[in-house]
Protein backbone atom coordinates (compact mmCIF):
# COMPACT_ATOMS: atom_id res chain seq x y z
CA MET A 1 119.36 148.71 90.81
CA LYS A 2 119.79 145.62 88.69
CA LYS A 3 122.65 144.48 90.90
CA LEU A 4 120.48 144.97 93.98
CA ILE A 5 117.65 142.89 92.52
CA ALA A 6 120.06 140.14 91.48
CA GLY A 7 121.57 140.10 94.96
CA LEU A 8 118.17 139.82 96.60
CA PHE A 9 117.21 136.96 94.26
CA ILE A 10 120.38 135.02 95.10
CA ALA A 11 119.88 135.59 98.82
CA SER A 12 116.27 134.48 98.56
CA LEU A 13 117.29 131.35 96.67
CA THR A 14 119.95 130.52 99.24
CA MET A 15 117.50 130.92 102.12
CA SER A 16 114.95 128.77 100.26
CA CYS A 17 117.49 125.98 99.75
CA GLY A 18 118.50 126.23 103.39
CA ASN A 19 114.87 125.95 104.53
CA THR A 20 114.31 122.99 102.24
CA GLY A 21 117.26 121.16 103.75
CA GLU A 22 116.01 121.78 107.29
CA GLU A 23 112.50 120.67 106.37
CA ALA A 24 113.84 117.44 104.87
CA LYS A 25 115.92 116.75 108.00
CA ALA A 26 112.92 117.42 110.23
CA ARG A 27 110.78 114.98 108.29
CA LEU A 28 113.56 112.40 108.38
CA ALA A 29 113.68 112.76 112.16
CA LYS A 30 109.90 112.25 112.22
CA ALA A 31 110.23 109.08 110.12
CA GLN A 32 112.97 107.86 112.47
CA SER A 33 110.69 108.41 115.47
CA MET A 34 107.88 106.50 113.77
CA TYR A 35 110.25 103.61 113.11
CA GLU A 36 111.36 103.51 116.74
CA ASN A 37 107.71 103.49 117.85
CA ASN A 38 106.95 100.58 115.47
CA GLU A 39 104.70 102.77 113.31
CA LEU A 40 106.16 101.08 110.27
CA PHE A 41 103.48 101.89 107.69
CA ALA A 42 103.53 105.57 108.67
CA ALA A 43 107.35 105.61 108.58
CA LYS A 44 107.36 104.25 105.03
CA ASN A 45 104.83 106.85 103.92
CA GLU A 46 106.95 109.62 105.46
CA ILE A 47 110.08 108.35 103.71
CA ASP A 48 108.23 108.26 100.39
CA SER A 49 107.09 111.85 100.95
CA ILE A 50 110.66 112.98 101.62
CA ARG A 51 111.82 111.39 98.38
CA THR A 52 109.05 113.12 96.44
CA LEU A 53 109.31 116.56 98.03
CA TYR A 54 113.08 116.90 98.39
CA PRO A 55 114.68 115.19 95.37
CA LYS A 56 117.86 117.34 95.60
CA GLU A 57 118.61 116.81 99.29
CA PHE A 58 121.06 114.03 98.57
CA ASP A 59 122.42 113.59 102.08
CA VAL A 60 118.92 113.21 103.49
CA LEU A 61 117.89 110.89 100.66
CA LYS A 62 120.86 108.64 101.39
CA GLN A 63 119.74 108.43 105.02
CA THR A 64 116.16 107.59 103.97
CA LEU A 65 117.52 104.60 102.05
CA SER A 66 119.20 103.28 105.20
CA LEU A 67 116.11 103.96 107.30
CA MET A 68 113.82 102.27 104.77
CA ARG A 69 115.94 99.12 104.98
CA LEU A 70 115.65 99.15 108.77
CA VAL A 71 111.87 99.55 108.47
CA GLU A 72 111.65 96.62 106.06
CA ILE A 73 113.87 94.49 108.31
CA LYS A 74 111.49 95.07 111.20
CA GLU A 75 108.46 94.39 108.96
CA ASN A 76 109.84 91.06 107.83
CA GLU A 77 110.88 90.07 111.35
CA ARG A 78 107.31 90.83 112.45
CA THR A 79 105.87 88.67 109.64
CA ILE A 80 108.13 85.75 110.55
CA ALA A 81 107.18 86.01 114.24
CA TYR A 82 103.47 86.16 113.33
CA CYS A 83 103.72 83.04 111.17
CA ASP A 84 105.77 81.19 113.80
CA SER A 85 103.11 81.92 116.40
CA LEU A 86 100.18 80.73 114.27
CA LEU A 87 101.65 77.76 112.39
CA PRO A 88 101.69 75.40 115.42
CA ILE A 89 98.04 76.25 116.12
CA LYS A 90 97.01 75.64 112.51
CA THR A 91 99.06 72.44 112.38
CA ALA A 92 97.27 71.14 115.49
CA GLU A 93 93.92 71.91 113.81
CA LEU A 94 95.07 70.06 110.70
CA ILE A 95 96.08 66.97 112.70
CA ALA A 96 92.69 66.93 114.47
CA ILE A 97 90.75 67.12 111.20
CA ASN A 98 93.06 64.84 109.22
CA LYS A 99 91.96 61.66 111.02
CA ASP A 100 88.66 61.72 109.08
CA PHE A 101 90.37 61.84 105.66
CA VAL A 102 92.41 59.54 103.46
CA PHE A 103 95.21 60.79 101.23
CA GLU A 104 95.18 59.75 97.58
CA LYS A 105 97.89 60.38 95.02
CA ASP A 106 98.84 58.67 91.79
CA SER A 107 102.62 59.15 91.77
CA LEU A 108 102.77 58.47 88.02
CA TYR A 109 100.27 61.13 86.95
CA GLU A 110 99.81 63.55 89.84
CA GLU A 111 102.23 66.04 91.35
CA VAL A 112 99.78 67.05 94.08
CA GLY A 113 97.70 64.60 96.10
CA ASN A 114 94.15 64.95 97.44
CA TYR A 115 92.50 64.44 100.81
CA ILE A 116 89.13 62.66 100.62
CA TRP A 117 86.56 62.23 103.40
CA LYS A 118 86.78 58.54 104.35
CA GLN A 119 83.14 57.80 103.54
CA GLN A 120 83.39 59.46 100.12
CA THR A 121 86.14 57.37 98.55
CA ILE A 122 85.12 56.12 95.12
CA GLU A 123 85.15 52.44 96.06
CA LYS A 124 82.54 53.08 98.78
CA ASN A 125 80.20 54.98 96.45
CA ILE A 126 79.94 52.90 93.31
CA ASN A 127 76.67 53.02 91.36
CA ARG A 128 75.01 55.95 93.10
CA CYS A 129 74.24 59.59 92.40
CA TYR A 130 75.87 61.96 94.87
CA ILE A 131 78.03 65.06 95.31
CA ARG A 132 81.56 64.33 96.43
CA SER A 133 84.35 66.65 97.47
CA GLY A 134 88.07 66.75 98.09
CA VAL A 135 90.93 69.12 98.78
CA ASN A 136 94.49 68.99 97.49
CA GLU A 137 97.68 69.54 99.47
CA LYS A 138 97.65 73.25 98.61
CA GLY A 139 94.22 73.78 100.16
CA GLU A 140 92.38 73.98 96.84
CA MET A 141 88.94 72.37 97.15
CA TYR A 142 86.70 70.85 94.51
CA LEU A 143 83.16 69.51 94.20
CA ALA A 144 82.16 66.76 91.81
CA SER A 145 78.62 65.85 90.76
CA VAL A 146 78.31 62.13 90.08
CA TYR A 147 75.40 60.70 88.11
CA PHE A 148 74.69 56.99 87.65
CA GLY A 149 71.67 55.77 85.70
CA ASN A 150 70.20 53.87 82.77
CA THR A 151 70.23 56.84 80.39
CA PRO A 152 72.66 59.76 80.10
CA ILE A 153 71.56 63.24 81.19
CA ASN A 154 74.63 65.08 79.84
CA HIS A 155 74.77 67.55 82.73
CA THR A 156 77.35 70.34 82.98
CA SER A 157 76.57 71.97 86.34
CA ILE A 158 74.50 71.78 89.50
CA LYS A 159 72.20 74.04 91.48
CA VAL A 160 71.78 73.57 95.24
CA SER A 161 68.80 75.03 97.09
CA ILE A 162 66.76 74.84 100.29
CA LYS A 163 63.08 75.18 101.14
CA ASP A 164 63.06 78.97 101.52
CA GLY A 165 64.11 79.36 97.86
CA SER A 166 67.71 80.45 98.42
CA TYR A 167 70.24 78.70 96.22
CA ALA A 168 73.73 78.64 94.75
CA GLU A 169 75.12 77.31 91.49
CA THR A 170 78.40 76.00 90.17
CA ALA A 171 80.01 77.17 86.97
CA SER A 172 79.10 75.25 83.81
CA ILE A 173 81.80 72.78 82.75
CA PRO A 174 81.41 71.73 79.09
CA PHE A 175 82.05 68.11 78.18
CA ASP A 176 85.79 67.68 77.62
CA GLY A 177 86.54 64.11 78.70
CA GLY A 178 88.47 65.47 81.69
CA LEU A 179 86.73 67.69 84.19
CA ASN A 180 83.49 66.58 82.55
CA TYR A 181 83.62 62.95 81.51
CA ARG A 182 81.14 60.15 80.81
CA PHE A 183 81.30 56.43 80.25
CA LYS A 184 79.00 53.45 79.83
CA ASP A 185 79.33 50.08 81.52
CA LEU A 186 76.92 47.16 81.32
CA GLY A 187 74.23 49.43 79.88
CA ASN A 188 74.53 52.06 82.60
CA THR A 189 75.91 55.59 82.25
CA THR A 190 78.22 57.34 84.70
CA GLU A 191 78.84 61.09 84.46
CA VAL A 192 81.29 63.01 86.64
CA VAL A 193 81.65 66.79 86.45
CA THR A 194 84.32 68.42 88.62
CA TYR A 195 84.17 72.03 89.79
CA LYS A 196 87.56 73.21 91.00
CA ALA A 197 88.19 76.15 93.33
CA GLU A 198 86.03 79.17 92.36
CA LYS A 199 84.02 77.06 89.89
CA GLY A 200 82.29 75.38 92.82
CA GLU A 201 83.00 77.83 95.63
CA ASP A 202 79.50 79.31 95.90
CA ALA A 203 77.90 75.87 96.09
CA VAL A 204 80.43 74.70 98.71
CA LYS A 205 79.78 77.71 100.96
CA PHE A 206 76.02 77.32 100.54
CA ILE A 207 76.11 73.67 101.60
CA ALA A 208 78.42 74.40 104.54
CA SER A 209 76.10 77.21 105.70
CA ASN A 210 72.98 75.05 105.40
CA GLU A 211 74.25 71.67 106.56
CA LYS A 212 71.25 71.09 108.83
CA GLU A 213 68.75 71.91 106.07
CA ARG A 214 67.34 69.55 103.45
CA ILE A 215 69.37 70.46 100.37
CA LYS A 216 68.07 69.80 96.89
CA VAL A 217 70.58 69.26 94.09
CA GLU A 218 69.49 69.84 90.51
CA TYR A 219 71.76 68.52 87.78
CA THR A 220 71.60 71.19 85.08
CA GLY A 221 72.77 71.79 81.52
CA GLY A 222 71.17 68.61 80.18
CA LYS A 223 68.09 66.52 80.99
CA PRO A 224 66.50 67.52 84.31
CA PHE A 225 67.57 65.35 87.25
CA THR A 226 67.25 65.94 91.00
CA ILE A 227 68.54 64.37 94.20
CA TYR A 228 68.68 65.43 97.86
CA LEU A 229 72.01 65.51 99.61
CA ALA A 230 72.48 62.67 102.09
CA ASP A 231 73.48 63.72 105.61
CA GLY A 232 76.81 61.95 105.21
CA ASP A 233 77.58 63.88 102.03
CA LYS A 234 76.66 67.20 103.64
CA LYS A 235 78.98 66.42 106.53
CA ALA A 236 81.74 65.38 104.11
CA ILE A 237 81.51 68.61 102.10
CA THR A 238 81.33 70.80 105.22
CA SER A 239 84.30 69.05 106.83
CA THR A 240 86.29 69.22 103.60
CA TYR A 241 85.63 72.95 103.41
CA ALA A 242 86.95 73.41 106.96
CA PHE A 243 89.98 71.27 106.10
CA ALA A 244 90.60 73.35 102.96
CA ILE A 245 90.62 76.58 104.98
CA VAL A 246 93.24 75.22 107.40
CA LEU A 247 95.41 73.79 104.62
CA SER A 248 95.17 77.05 102.69
CA ASP A 249 96.16 79.06 105.78
CA ILE A 250 99.17 76.85 106.42
CA ASN A 251 100.35 77.05 102.82
CA ARG A 252 99.90 80.83 102.75
CA MET A 253 101.80 81.36 106.00
CA ASN A 254 104.64 79.08 104.94
CA LYS A 255 104.99 81.06 101.70
CA GLU A 256 104.87 84.39 103.54
CA LYS A 257 107.47 83.20 106.03
CA GLN A 258 109.79 81.92 103.32
CA LYS A 259 109.45 85.14 101.35
CA SER A 260 110.15 87.24 104.46
CA GLU A 261 113.18 85.13 105.38
CA GLN A 262 114.66 85.61 101.93
CA ARG A 263 113.97 89.35 101.96
CA LEU A 264 115.38 89.66 105.49
CA ALA A 265 118.62 87.94 104.53
CA TYR A 266 119.02 90.30 101.55
CA LEU A 267 118.32 93.42 103.63
CA LYS A 268 120.72 92.43 106.40
CA GLN A 269 123.42 91.74 103.83
CA LYS A 270 122.92 95.19 102.29
CA THR A 271 122.86 96.87 105.69
CA ALA A 272 126.08 95.13 106.78
CA LYS A 273 127.94 96.49 103.72
CA ASN A 274 127.07 100.10 104.53
């Protein structure tokens, strides 16, 4: 009796292993079909499932490794083609917008230069209170609140609003002599607070969305002070925001393309060896 039970157990185990092997092969065939139909995400999920469910089916697992490389090759080729199709379009947009900007870079102190709206260069805006903007070569935008007056207000942020009560604010930038700096000249005080990237993002989007409205700017964090954005400054900020989006897209796509090219070269090298 014991021998009979043992025999049945061994037979059952053998049949189970055989079924497992067939199931793994069937799922591999399914993943292969998904790959051939360009269902790449689904193919990768199926391969991952095979690896999880059938860890002892070594022949099948070896084939999943080869198939996964083919899937990744096709993914990276697709990314490169996508970037190649869009980059000329984005570059044309950049050229069209670029004519309204000047490029500034101090080669001694700056590794990355900035694009400034032509009417917002510092030399054209001496001795006035205004909000200026710029974007660097990487597509990172900034706002800067400039105050000029007889007495300091020691501001650290700004709030922008329109008649209906909606508003947006920048982050508060404490005085540090850098992003928040002040100086006196001939009895007058100049204060410049710079809000980089997300520090000024909400205010930038608010101004761009309400360019045709009368926008009030409150200098906050110190003595109360208010101005209204000039039409030229609203246009400058809105145009800089559009420029930043294009620059950011171009930088992102170039990085994605470069990364995919490097990955593709590695995968093809590995595939060629097998």
